[in-house]
Amino acid sequence: MPIAVLCPTHGPFESRMFRSKRGGTVQLLNNLEGCPRCGRLSPVIDGTYAFDERGIATALSAPAWSIDALRAIQEPLRLVATKLADPAVADDAAERIVERVVEMLEKRDAATAAAMRASTKGKPRSKVLAVVMAMLVAIGAVVDLHDAGEIAGDVGAAIADVFDDRKASSD
């Protein structure tokens, strides 16, 4: 996944500044990058990223608002997947069903909406369903990892509290 930058005018775009071919982990905080369309300085999505040897970044942590944005698109995608799972849905109807989600996604992320439109336009229902399911799996993985990280932090704090209490009572 590329590191995203969010132009207030043109929406998200792929960072051209933050790439790595060597692997490793990087934490990004309060970085700006110029939008390729208008040049406006735009915030790079804060977070901790791990790069593999191919330069692919995986978000290890991300701001809550980006997770909330993913959650906002999850339910409409689930509804679309449910409709597309019906074999009685014709191929042209499948394209129209997906187009509603694409239009909603366009407001948040024009590039992802364009990619979804390109990968579903003129395709049979089964292929459209596969694209929607792949998006649901990817979004679900990011949201689940974020939620697991938050829970792990809470569990870790609770365990530390227990051991601090035991230490204090044994002193």
C-alpha atoms as a PDB file:
ATOM      1  CA  MET A   1       0.000   0.000   0.000  1.00  0.00           C
ATOM      2  CA  PRO A   2       1.285   3.460  -0.695  1.00  0.00           C
ATOM      3  CA  ILE A   3       1.579   6.085   2.021  1.00  0.00           C
ATOM      4  CA  ALA A   4      -1.374   8.408   1.523  1.00  0.00           C
ATOM      5  CA  VAL A   5      -1.377  12.192   1.471  1.00  0.00           C
ATOM      6  CA  LEU A   6      -4.657  14.084   1.771  1.00  0.00           C
ATOM      7  CA  CYS A   7      -5.071  17.214  -0.363  1.00  0.00           C
ATOM      8  CA  PRO A   8      -7.991  19.279   0.990  1.00  0.00           C
ATOM      9  CA  THR A   9      -8.965  20.146  -2.591  1.00  0.00           C
ATOM     10  CA  HIS A  10      -8.278  16.996  -4.612  1.00  0.00           C
ATOM     11  CA  GLY A  11      -8.460  14.240  -2.019  1.00  0.00           C
ATOM     12  CA  PRO A  12      -5.896  11.539  -1.325  1.00  0.00           C
ATOM     13  CA  PHE A  13      -2.864  10.787  -3.463  1.00  0.00           C
ATOM     14  CA  GLU A  14       0.168   8.515  -3.161  1.00  0.00           C
ATOM     15  CA  SER A  15       3.185  10.000  -1.436  1.00  0.00           C
ATOM     16  CA  ARG A  16       6.154  10.526  -3.717  1.00  0.00           C
ATOM     17  CA  MET A  17       8.465  11.388  -0.792  1.00  0.00           C
ATOM     18  CA  PHE A  18       8.051   8.365   1.451  1.00  0.00           C
ATOM     19  CA  ARG A  19       9.182   5.170  -0.231  1.00  0.00           C
ATOM     20  CA  SER A  20      11.725   2.580   0.770  1.00  0.00           C
ATOM     21  CA  LYS A  21      13.311  -0.285  -1.124  1.00  0.00           C
ATOM     22  CA  ARG A  22      15.344  -1.491   1.867  1.00  0.00           C
ATOM     23  CA  GLY A  23      12.641  -2.519   4.273  1.00  0.00           C
ATOM     24  CA  GLY A  24      12.329  -1.238   7.824  1.00  0.00           C
ATOM     25  CA  THR A  25       9.890   0.718   9.930  1.00  0.00           C
ATOM     26  CA  VAL A  26       9.233   4.451   9.896  1.00  0.00           C
ATOM     27  CA  GLN A  27       7.017   6.683  12.001  1.00  0.00           C
ATOM     28  CA  LEU A  28       5.534   9.694  10.221  1.00  0.00           C
ATOM     29  CA  LEU A  29       4.175  12.666  12.145  1.00  0.00           C
ATOM     30  CA  ASN A  30       3.228  16.158  10.921  1.00  0.00           C
ATOM     31  CA  ASN A  31       4.715  15.789   7.414  1.00  0.00           C
ATOM     32  CA  LEU A  32       3.549  17.789   4.398  1.00  0.00           C
ATOM     33  CA  GLU A  33       3.829  17.097   0.674  1.00  0.00           C
ATOM     34  CA  GLY A  34       2.737  19.131  -2.342  1.00  0.00           C
ATOM     35  CA  CYS A  35      -0.333  17.949  -4.239  1.00  0.00           C
ATOM     36  CA  PRO A  36       0.681  16.884  -7.768  1.00  0.00           C
ATOM     37  CA  ARG A  37      -2.405  18.615  -9.208  1.00  0.00           C
ATOM     38  CA  CYS A  38      -2.440  21.989  -7.414  1.00  0.00           C
ATOM     39  CA  GLY A  39       0.847  22.117  -5.474  1.00  0.00           C
ATOM     40  CA  ARG A  40      -0.949  22.795  -2.181  1.00  0.00           C
ATOM     41  CA  LEU A  41       0.925  21.492   0.844  1.00  0.00           C
ATOM     42  CA  SER A  42      -1.087  18.566   2.153  1.00  0.00           C
ATOM     43  CA  PRO A  43      -0.724  16.382   5.269  1.00  0.00           C
ATOM     44  CA  VAL A  44       0.858  12.960   4.929  1.00  0.00           C
ATOM     45  CA  ILE A  45      -1.214  10.423   6.891  1.00  0.00           C
ATOM     46  CA  ASP A  46       0.444  10.116  10.301  1.00  0.00           C
ATOM     47  CA  GLY A  47       1.254   6.640  11.464  1.00  0.00           C
ATOM     48  CA  THR A  48       3.841   3.918  11.790  1.00  0.00           C
ATOM     49  CA  TYR A  49       4.616   2.019   8.586  1.00  0.00           C
ATOM     50  CA  ALA A  50       6.645  -1.113   7.879  1.00  0.00           C
ATOM     51  CA  PHE A  51       8.247  -1.366   4.435  1.00  0.00           C
ATOM     52  CA  ASP A  52       9.089  -4.713   2.905  1.00  0.00           C
ATOM     53  CA  GLU A  53      12.044  -5.256   0.553  1.00  0.00           C
ATOM     54  CA  ARG A  54       9.807  -4.424  -2.444  1.00  0.00           C
ATOM     55  CA  GLY A  55       8.929  -1.014  -0.998  1.00  0.00           C
ATOM     56  CA  ILE A  56       5.362  -1.976  -0.069  1.00  0.00           C
ATOM     57  CA  ALA A  57       4.229  -0.150   3.082  1.00  0.00           C
ATOM     58  CA  THR A  58       1.946  -1.684   5.695  1.00  0.00           C
ATOM     59  CA  ALA A  59       0.332   0.646   8.210  1.00  0.00           C
ATOM     60  CA  LEU A  60       1.116  -0.605  11.709  1.00  0.00           C
ATOM     61  CA  SER A  61      -0.829   2.266  13.243  1.00  0.00           C
ATOM     62  CA  ALA A  62      -2.952   5.034  11.790  1.00  0.00           C
ATOM     63  CA  PRO A  63      -5.020   7.914  13.110  1.00  0.00           C
ATOM     64  CA  ALA A  64      -8.518   7.107  14.324  1.00  0.00           C
ATOM     65  CA  TRP A  65     -10.121   9.313  11.669  1.00  0.00           C
ATOM     66  CA  SER A  66      -8.674   7.148   8.884  1.00  0.00           C
ATOM     67  CA  ILE A  67     -10.025   4.010  10.562  1.00  0.00           C
ATOM     68  CA  ASP A  68     -13.406   5.738  10.916  1.00  0.00           C
ATOM     69  CA  ALA A  69     -13.360   6.529   7.187  1.00  0.00           C
ATOM     70  CA  LEU A  70     -12.773   2.846   6.429  1.00  0.00           C
ATOM     71  CA  ARG A  71     -15.587   1.818   8.751  1.00  0.00           C
ATOM     72  CA  ALA A  72     -17.914   4.275   6.974  1.00  0.00           C
ATOM     73  CA  ILE A  73     -17.457   2.470   3.653  1.00  0.00           C
ATOM     74  CA  GLN A  74     -17.618  -1.067   5.139  1.00  0.00           C
ATOM     75  CA  GLU A  75     -21.392  -1.253   5.601  1.00  0.00           C
ATOM     76  CA  PRO A  76     -22.304  -0.002   2.099  1.00  0.00           C
ATOM     77  CA  LEU A  77     -19.805  -2.504   0.654  1.00  0.00           C
ATOM     78  CA  ARG A  78     -21.374  -5.320   2.718  1.00  0.00           C
ATOM     79  CA  LEU A  79     -24.810  -4.410   1.375  1.00  0.00           C
ATOM     80  CA  VAL A  80     -23.485  -4.390  -2.185  1.00  0.00           C
ATOM     81  CA  ALA A  81     -21.769  -7.760  -1.650  1.00  0.00           C
ATOM     82  CA  THR A  82     -25.024  -9.234  -0.345  1.00  0.00           C
ATOM     83  CA  LYS A  83     -26.924  -8.007  -3.412  1.00  0.00           C
ATOM     84  CA  LEU A  84     -24.230  -9.204  -5.808  1.00  0.00           C
ATOM     85  CA  ALA A  85     -24.141 -12.650  -4.209  1.00  0.00           C
ATOM     86  CA  ASP A  86     -27.589 -13.283  -5.688  1.00  0.00           C
ATOM     87  CA  PRO A  87     -27.034 -15.162  -8.999  1.00  0.00           C
ATOM     88  CA  ALA A  88     -30.285 -13.667 -10.317  1.00  0.00           C
ATOM     89  CA  VAL A  89     -28.626 -10.219 -10.504  1.00  0.00           C
ATOM     90  CA  ALA A  90     -27.804  -9.440 -14.133  1.00  0.00           C
ATOM     91  CA  ASP A  91     -24.323  -8.206 -15.080  1.00  0.00           C
ATOM     92  CA  ASP A  92     -25.544  -4.724 -16.066  1.00  0.00           C
ATOM     93  CA  ALA A  93     -27.487  -4.445 -12.787  1.00  0.00           C
ATOM     94  CA  ALA A  94     -24.329  -5.390 -10.869  1.00  0.00           C
ATOM     95  CA  GLU A  95     -22.502  -2.466 -12.444  1.00  0.00           C
ATOM     96  CA  ARG A  96     -25.292  -0.058 -11.431  1.00  0.00           C
ATOM     97  CA  ILE A  97     -25.326  -1.430  -7.865  1.00  0.00           C
ATOM     98  CA  VAL A  98     -21.572  -0.885  -7.491  1.00  0.00           C
ATOM     99  CA  GLU A  99     -21.769   2.569  -9.063  1.00  0.00           C
ATOM    100  CA  ARG A 100     -23.719   3.854  -6.030  1.00  0.00           C
ATOM    101  CA  VAL A 101     -20.857   2.874  -3.713  1.00  0.00           C
ATOM    102  CA  VAL A 102     -18.301   4.269  -6.158  1.00  0.00           C
ATOM    103  CA  GLU A 103     -20.105   7.624  -6.093  1.00  0.00           C
ATOM    104  CA  MET A 104     -20.053   7.622  -2.291  1.00  0.00           C
ATOM    105  CA  LEU A 105     -16.373   6.633  -2.250  1.00  0.00           C
ATOM    106  CA  GLU A 106     -15.525   9.412  -4.722  1.00  0.00           C
ATOM    107  CA  LYS A 107     -16.322  12.012  -2.074  1.00  0.00           C
ATOM    108  CA  ARG A 108     -13.591  10.594   0.161  1.00  0.00           C
ATOM    109  CA  ASP A 109     -11.077   9.073  -2.219  1.00  0.00           C
ATOM    110  CA  ALA A 110     -11.300   9.823  -5.944  1.00  0.00           C
ATOM    111  CA  ALA A 111      -8.358   7.576  -6.848  1.00  0.00           C
ATOM    112  CA  THR A 112      -9.800   4.490  -5.119  1.00  0.00           C
ATOM    113  CA  ALA A 113     -13.228   5.216  -6.627  1.00  0.00           C
ATOM    114  CA  ALA A 114     -11.689   5.449 -10.107  1.00  0.00           C
ATOM    115  CA  ALA A 115      -9.805   2.183  -9.578  1.00  0.00           C
ATOM    116  CA  MET A 116     -12.967   0.448  -8.375  1.00  0.00           C
ATOM    117  CA  ARG A 117     -14.932   1.788 -11.339  1.00  0.00           C
ATOM    118  CA  ALA A 118     -12.234   0.657 -13.785  1.00  0.00           C
ATOM    119  CA  SER A 119     -12.028  -2.820 -12.253  1.00  0.00           C
ATOM    120  CA  THR A 120     -15.810  -3.372 -12.311  1.00  0.00           C
ATOM    121  CA  LYS A 121     -17.038  -1.578 -15.444  1.00  0.00           C
ATOM    122  CA  GLY A 122     -18.314  -4.014 -18.052  1.00  0.00           C
ATOM    123  CA  LYS A 123     -17.368  -7.032 -15.941  1.00  0.00           C
ATOM    124  CA  PRO A 124     -19.677  -9.960 -15.140  1.00  0.00           C
ATOM    125  CA  ARG A 125     -21.424 -10.009 -11.765  1.00  0.00           C
ATOM    126  CA  SER A 126     -19.037 -12.642 -10.380  1.00  0.00           C
ATOM    127  CA  LYS A 127     -15.975 -10.478 -11.138  1.00  0.00           C
ATOM    128  CA  VAL A 128     -17.660  -7.389  -9.658  1.00  0.00           C
ATOM    129  CA  LEU A 129     -18.464  -9.401  -6.528  1.00  0.00           C
ATOM    130  CA  ALA A 130     -14.816 -10.526  -6.324  1.00  0.00           C
ATOM    131  CA  VAL A 131     -13.624  -6.888  -6.403  1.00  0.00           C
ATOM    132  CA  VAL A 132     -16.107  -5.863  -3.694  1.00  0.00           C
ATOM    133  CA  MET A 133     -15.140  -8.845  -1.522  1.00  0.00           C
ATOM    134  CA  ALA A 134     -11.431  -8.082  -1.930  1.00  0.00           C
ATOM    135  CA  MET A 135     -12.073  -4.514  -0.762  1.00  0.00           C
ATOM    136  CA  LEU A 136     -14.072  -5.767   2.221  1.00  0.00           C
ATOM    137  CA  VAL A 137     -11.295  -8.161   3.221  1.00  0.00           C
ATOM    138  CA  ALA A 138      -8.623  -5.443   2.929  1.00  0.00           C
ATOM    139  CA  ILE A 139     -10.667  -2.887   4.866  1.00  0.00           C
ATOM    140  CA  GLY A 140     -11.606  -5.473   7.474  1.00  0.00           C
ATOM    141  CA  ALA A 141      -7.962  -6.425   7.997  1.00  0.00           C
ATOM    142  CA  VAL A 142      -6.919  -2.814   8.602  1.00  0.00           C
ATOM    143  CA  VAL A 143      -9.846  -2.097  10.928  1.00  0.00           C
ATOM    144  CA  ASP A 144      -9.360  -5.368  12.821  1.00  0.00           C
ATOM    145  CA  LEU A 145      -5.618  -4.744  13.263  1.00  0.00           C
ATOM    146  CA  HIS A 146      -6.354  -1.243  14.551  1.00  0.00           C
ATOM    147  CA  ASP A 147      -8.988  -2.545  16.979  1.00  0.00           C
ATOM    148  CA  ALA A 148      -6.677  -5.344  18.128  1.00  0.00           C
ATOM    149  CA  GLY A 149      -3.912  -2.802  18.762  1.00  0.00           C
ATOM    150  CA  GLU A 150      -6.219  -0.650  20.870  1.00  0.00           C
ATOM    151  CA  ILE A 151      -7.404  -3.685  22.846  1.00  0.00           C
ATOM    152  CA  ALA A 152      -3.830  -4.939  23.291  1.00  0.00           C
ATOM    153  CA  GLY A 153      -2.846  -1.556  24.738  1.00  0.00           C
ATOM    154  CA  ASP A 154      -5.762  -1.676  27.188  1.00  0.00           C
ATOM    155  CA  VAL A 155      -4.934  -5.260  28.188  1.00  0.00           C
ATOM    156  CA  GLY A 156      -1.271  -4.349  28.623  1.00  0.00           C
ATOM    157  CA  ALA A 157      -2.189  -1.391  30.841  1.00  0.00           C
ATOM    158  CA  ALA A 158      -4.506  -3.588  32.926  1.00  0.00           C
ATOM    159  CA  ILE A 159      -1.783  -6.211  33.390  1.00  0.00           C
ATOM    160  CA  ALA A 160       0.728  -3.512  34.374  1.00  0.00           C
ATOM    161  CA  ASP A 161      -1.781  -2.166  36.911  1.00  0.00           C
ATOM    162  CA  VAL A 162      -2.201  -5.639  38.419  1.00  0.00           C
ATOM    163  CA  PHE A 163       1.555  -6.159  38.728  1.00  0.00           C
ATOM    164  CA  ASP A 164       2.067  -2.628  40.097  1.00  0.00           C
ATOM    165  CA  ASP A 165      -0.608  -3.363  42.749  1.00  0.00           C
ATOM    166  CA  ARG A 166       1.053  -6.691  43.634  1.00  0.00           C
ATOM    167  CA  LYS A 167       4.452  -5.025  43.861  1.00  0.00           C
ATOM    168  CA  ALA A 168       3.074  -2.235  46.049  1.00  0.00           C
ATOM    169  CA  SER A 169       1.321  -4.718  48.377  1.00  0.00           C
ATOM    170  CA  SER A 170       4.425  -6.910  48.723  1.00  0.00           C
ATOM    171  CA  ASP A 171       6.705  -3.977  49.629  1.00  0.00           C
END
